[in-house]
Amino acid sequence: MPAERRDQMLFEHGPARLRVSSPPAKGVAIMRVLRAEFGIDLINAQAVLRRVLDGDYSGTLPEMEHLARTLRKSGIAAAATRP
């Protein structure tokens, strides 16, 4: 999505958070999804994983819902929520 539209959605609706209720033992599976979705390396995937597990990873609702859906397809309990 274009950055301008993304910024507009965040301004109008606020951020959504990605919530993962799987145990940390599933961290490797979560990182696998993150690496595939974002095309990031292992170091960056670990940093994003920490934010996800801390409940600090956010974006637009469609972005978080897409990521949650992808995680659920991999057997990881995940949901997009609004604070």
N, C-alpha and C. Protein backbone atom coordinates (compact mmCIF):
# COMPACT_ATOMS: atom_id res chain seq x y z
N MET A 1 0.86 -1.17 0.00
CA MET A 1 0.00 0.00 0.00
C MET A 1 0.91 1.24 0.00
N PRO A 2 0.53 2.26 -0.73
CA PRO A 2 1.34 3.49 -0.76
C PRO A 2 1.48 4.09 0.65
N ALA A 3 2.63 4.65 0.92
CA ALA A 3 2.92 5.22 2.24
C ALA A 3 1.91 6.29 2.63
N GLU A 4 1.48 7.10 1.68
CA GLU A 4 0.52 8.17 1.98
C GLU A 4 -0.81 7.58 2.46
N ARG A 5 -1.29 6.54 1.78
CA ARG A 5 -2.55 5.90 2.17
C ARG A 5 -2.41 5.21 3.52
N ARG A 6 -1.26 4.57 3.74
CA ARG A 6 -1.00 3.91 5.03
C ARG A 6 -1.03 4.92 6.17
N ASP A 7 -0.35 6.03 5.97
CA ASP A 7 -0.33 7.09 6.99
C ASP A 7 -1.74 7.62 7.25
N GLN A 8 -2.53 7.78 6.20
CA GLN A 8 -3.90 8.26 6.34
C GLN A 8 -4.73 7.26 7.16
N MET A 9 -4.58 5.98 6.89
CA MET A 9 -5.33 4.96 7.63
C MET A 9 -4.94 4.95 9.10
N LEU A 10 -3.64 5.08 9.37
CA LEU A 10 -3.18 5.11 10.76
C LEU A 10 -3.71 6.35 11.47
N PHE A 11 -3.75 7.48 10.78
CA PHE A 11 -4.24 8.71 11.37
C PHE A 11 -5.75 8.62 11.67
N GLU A 12 -6.50 8.10 10.71
CA GLU A 12 -7.96 8.06 10.85
C GLU A 12 -8.45 6.97 11.80
N HIS A 13 -7.78 5.83 11.80
CA HIS A 13 -8.28 4.68 12.55
C HIS A 13 -7.36 4.24 13.70
N GLY A 14 -6.16 4.76 13.74
CA GLY A 14 -5.20 4.35 14.76
C GLY A 14 -4.58 3.00 14.40
N PRO A 15 -3.54 2.64 15.11
CA PRO A 15 -2.85 1.39 14.80
C PRO A 15 -3.58 0.17 15.36
N ALA A 16 -3.36 -0.94 14.72
CA ALA A 16 -3.81 -2.24 15.21
C ALA A 16 -2.55 -2.98 15.65
N ARG A 17 -2.71 -3.88 16.60
CA ARG A 17 -1.58 -4.66 17.10
C ARG A 17 -1.74 -6.12 16.72
N LEU A 18 -0.61 -6.77 16.56
CA LEU A 18 -0.60 -8.20 16.31
C LEU A 18 -0.44 -8.90 17.65
N ARG A 19 -1.37 -9.77 17.99
CA ARG A 19 -1.31 -10.54 19.23
C ARG A 19 -1.09 -12.00 18.88
N VAL A 20 -0.08 -12.57 19.49
CA VAL A 20 0.22 -13.98 19.30
C VAL A 20 0.07 -14.67 20.64
N SER A 21 -0.79 -15.68 20.69
CA SER A 21 -1.00 -16.37 21.96
C SER A 21 -0.33 -17.73 21.99
N SER A 22 0.54 -17.99 21.03
CA SER A 22 1.30 -19.23 21.03
C SER A 22 2.46 -19.11 22.00
N PRO A 23 2.90 -20.22 22.55
CA PRO A 23 4.05 -20.16 23.46
C PRO A 23 5.31 -19.74 22.72
N PRO A 24 6.26 -19.16 23.45
CA PRO A 24 7.52 -18.73 22.83
C PRO A 24 8.26 -19.86 22.11
N ALA A 25 7.95 -21.11 22.43
CA ALA A 25 8.58 -22.23 21.75
C ALA A 25 8.28 -22.21 20.25
N LYS A 26 7.24 -21.52 19.85
CA LYS A 26 6.88 -21.40 18.44
C LYS A 26 7.62 -20.25 17.77
N GLY A 27 8.59 -19.67 18.46
CA GLY A 27 9.33 -18.53 17.93
C GLY A 27 9.95 -18.78 16.58
N VAL A 28 10.48 -19.98 16.38
CA VAL A 28 11.12 -20.30 15.10
C VAL A 28 10.07 -20.27 13.98
N ALA A 29 8.90 -20.84 14.24
CA ALA A 29 7.85 -20.84 13.22
C ALA A 29 7.38 -19.42 12.93
N ILE A 30 7.28 -18.59 13.95
CA ILE A 30 6.87 -17.20 13.75
C ILE A 30 7.93 -16.47 12.93
N MET A 31 9.20 -16.68 13.26
CA MET A 31 10.26 -16.03 12.49
C MET A 31 10.25 -16.49 11.04
N ARG A 32 9.94 -17.74 10.79
CA ARG A 32 9.88 -18.25 9.42
C ARG A 32 8.82 -17.47 8.63
N VAL A 33 7.66 -17.25 9.25
CA VAL A 33 6.60 -16.49 8.60
C VAL A 33 7.04 -15.04 8.38
N LEU A 34 7.64 -14.44 9.39
CA LEU A 34 8.10 -13.05 9.27
C LEU A 34 9.11 -12.89 8.15
N ARG A 35 10.05 -13.82 8.08
CA ARG A 35 11.07 -13.74 7.04
C ARG A 35 10.45 -13.87 5.66
N ALA A 36 9.49 -14.77 5.51
CA ALA A 36 8.84 -14.96 4.21
C ALA A 36 7.98 -13.76 3.83
N GLU A 37 7.25 -13.22 4.79
CA GLU A 37 6.35 -12.09 4.52
C GLU A 37 7.10 -10.80 4.23
N PHE A 38 8.15 -10.54 4.98
CA PHE A 38 8.85 -9.26 4.87
C PHE A 38 10.16 -9.32 4.10
N GLY A 39 10.62 -10.52 3.78
CA GLY A 39 11.88 -10.65 3.06
C GLY A 39 13.06 -10.14 3.88
N ILE A 40 13.04 -10.42 5.18
CA ILE A 40 14.08 -9.92 6.08
C ILE A 40 15.02 -11.04 6.49
N ASP A 41 16.19 -10.65 6.98
CA ASP A 41 17.16 -11.64 7.42
C ASP A 41 16.84 -12.11 8.85
N LEU A 42 17.63 -13.06 9.32
CA LEU A 42 17.39 -13.67 10.63
C LEU A 42 17.49 -12.66 11.77
N ILE A 43 18.44 -11.77 11.72
CA ILE A 43 18.63 -10.77 12.78
C ILE A 43 17.40 -9.87 12.88
N ASN A 44 16.93 -9.38 11.75
CA ASN A 44 15.75 -8.52 11.75
C ASN A 44 14.50 -9.30 12.15
N ALA A 45 14.41 -10.56 11.75
CA ALA A 45 13.26 -11.39 12.14
C ALA A 45 13.23 -11.58 13.65
N GLN A 46 14.40 -11.74 14.27
CA GLN A 46 14.46 -11.87 15.73
C GLN A 46 13.99 -10.58 16.41
N ALA A 47 14.37 -9.44 15.86
CA ALA A 47 13.94 -8.16 16.43
C ALA A 47 12.43 -7.99 16.31
N VAL A 48 11.86 -8.34 15.15
CA VAL A 48 10.41 -8.24 14.96
C VAL A 48 9.71 -9.24 15.88
N LEU A 49 10.26 -10.44 16.00
CA LEU A 49 9.68 -11.45 16.89
C LEU A 49 9.57 -10.94 18.32
N ARG A 50 10.61 -10.29 18.81
CA ARG A 50 10.56 -9.73 20.17
C ARG A 50 9.42 -8.73 20.30
N ARG A 51 9.26 -7.87 19.30
CA ARG A 51 8.17 -6.89 19.34
C ARG A 51 6.81 -7.57 19.30
N VAL A 52 6.68 -8.62 18.48
CA VAL A 52 5.42 -9.35 18.39
C VAL A 52 5.09 -9.99 19.73
N LEU A 53 6.06 -10.70 20.32
CA LEU A 53 5.82 -11.39 21.59
C LEU A 53 5.56 -10.42 22.73
N ASP A 54 6.13 -9.22 22.65
CA ASP A 54 5.89 -8.19 23.68
C ASP A 54 4.57 -7.45 23.46
N GLY A 55 3.88 -7.74 22.35
CA GLY A 55 2.63 -7.05 22.03
C GLY A 55 2.85 -5.65 21.54
N ASP A 56 4.05 -5.39 21.01
CA ASP A 56 4.43 -4.05 20.60
C ASP A 56 4.54 -3.90 19.08
N TYR A 57 4.07 -4.87 18.33
CA TYR A 57 4.16 -4.78 16.87
C TYR A 57 2.82 -4.27 16.34
N SER A 58 2.84 -3.17 15.59
CA SER A 58 1.60 -2.58 15.13
C SER A 58 1.72 -2.08 13.70
N GLY A 59 0.55 -1.80 13.12
CA GLY A 59 0.46 -1.28 11.76
C GLY A 59 -1.01 -1.02 11.47
N THR A 60 -1.36 -0.95 10.22
CA THR A 60 -2.77 -0.77 9.88
C THR A 60 -3.51 -2.08 10.16
N LEU A 61 -4.81 -2.00 10.33
CA LEU A 61 -5.60 -3.21 10.59
C LEU A 61 -5.46 -4.22 9.44
N PRO A 62 -5.54 -3.80 8.18
CA PRO A 62 -5.37 -4.79 7.10
C PRO A 62 -3.98 -5.46 7.14
N GLU A 63 -2.93 -4.70 7.46
CA GLU A 63 -1.59 -5.29 7.55
C GLU A 63 -1.53 -6.34 8.65
N MET A 64 -2.06 -5.99 9.81
CA MET A 64 -1.99 -6.91 10.95
C MET A 64 -2.89 -8.12 10.75
N GLU A 65 -4.03 -7.91 10.11
CA GLU A 65 -4.94 -9.03 9.84
C GLU A 65 -4.32 -9.99 8.84
N HIS A 66 -3.66 -9.45 7.83
CA HIS A 66 -2.97 -10.31 6.84
C HIS A 66 -1.90 -11.15 7.53
N LEU A 67 -1.11 -10.52 8.36
CA LEU A 67 -0.04 -11.24 9.06
C LEU A 67 -0.62 -12.27 10.03
N ALA A 68 -1.67 -11.91 10.75
CA ALA A 68 -2.31 -12.86 11.67
C ALA A 68 -2.86 -14.06 10.91
N ARG A 69 -3.47 -13.82 9.77
CA ARG A 69 -4.03 -14.90 8.95
C ARG A 69 -2.91 -15.84 8.48
N THR A 70 -1.80 -15.26 8.06
CA THR A 70 -0.67 -16.06 7.60
C THR A 70 -0.10 -16.89 8.76
N LEU A 71 0.00 -16.29 9.94
CA LEU A 71 0.49 -17.03 11.10
C LEU A 71 -0.47 -18.17 11.47
N ARG A 72 -1.76 -17.91 11.41
CA ARG A 72 -2.74 -18.97 11.72
C ARG A 72 -2.63 -20.13 10.74
N LYS A 73 -2.36 -19.84 9.47
CA LYS A 73 -2.17 -20.91 8.49
C LYS A 73 -0.97 -21.78 8.83
N SER A 74 -0.03 -21.22 9.59
CA SER A 74 1.16 -21.97 10.01
C SER A 74 0.97 -22.61 11.38
N GLY A 75 -0.26 -22.55 11.90
CA GLY A 75 -0.54 -23.20 13.18
C GLY A 75 -0.25 -22.35 14.40
N ILE A 76 -0.12 -21.05 14.21
CA ILE A 76 0.20 -20.13 15.31
C ILE A 76 -1.04 -19.29 15.62
N ALA A 77 -1.49 -19.34 16.85
CA ALA A 77 -2.67 -18.56 17.25
C ALA A 77 -2.31 -17.08 17.23
N ALA A 78 -2.97 -16.33 16.36
CA ALA A 78 -2.66 -14.90 16.21
C ALA A 78 -3.93 -14.15 15.85
N ALA A 79 -3.97 -12.87 16.23
CA ALA A 79 -5.11 -12.01 15.93
C ALA A 79 -4.65 -10.57 15.81
N ALA A 80 -5.38 -9.82 15.00
CA ALA A 80 -5.17 -8.38 14.90
C ALA A 80 -6.17 -7.73 15.85
N THR A 81 -5.69 -6.83 16.70
CA THR A 81 -6.56 -6.16 17.67
C THR A 81 -6.30 -4.66 17.65
N ARG A 82 -7.29 -3.95 18.12
CA ARG A 82 -7.13 -2.49 18.32
C ARG A 82 -7.04 -2.25 19.82
N PRO A 83 -6.17 -1.33 20.22
CA PRO A 83 -6.06 -1.06 21.66
C PRO A 83 -7.31 -0.40 22.24
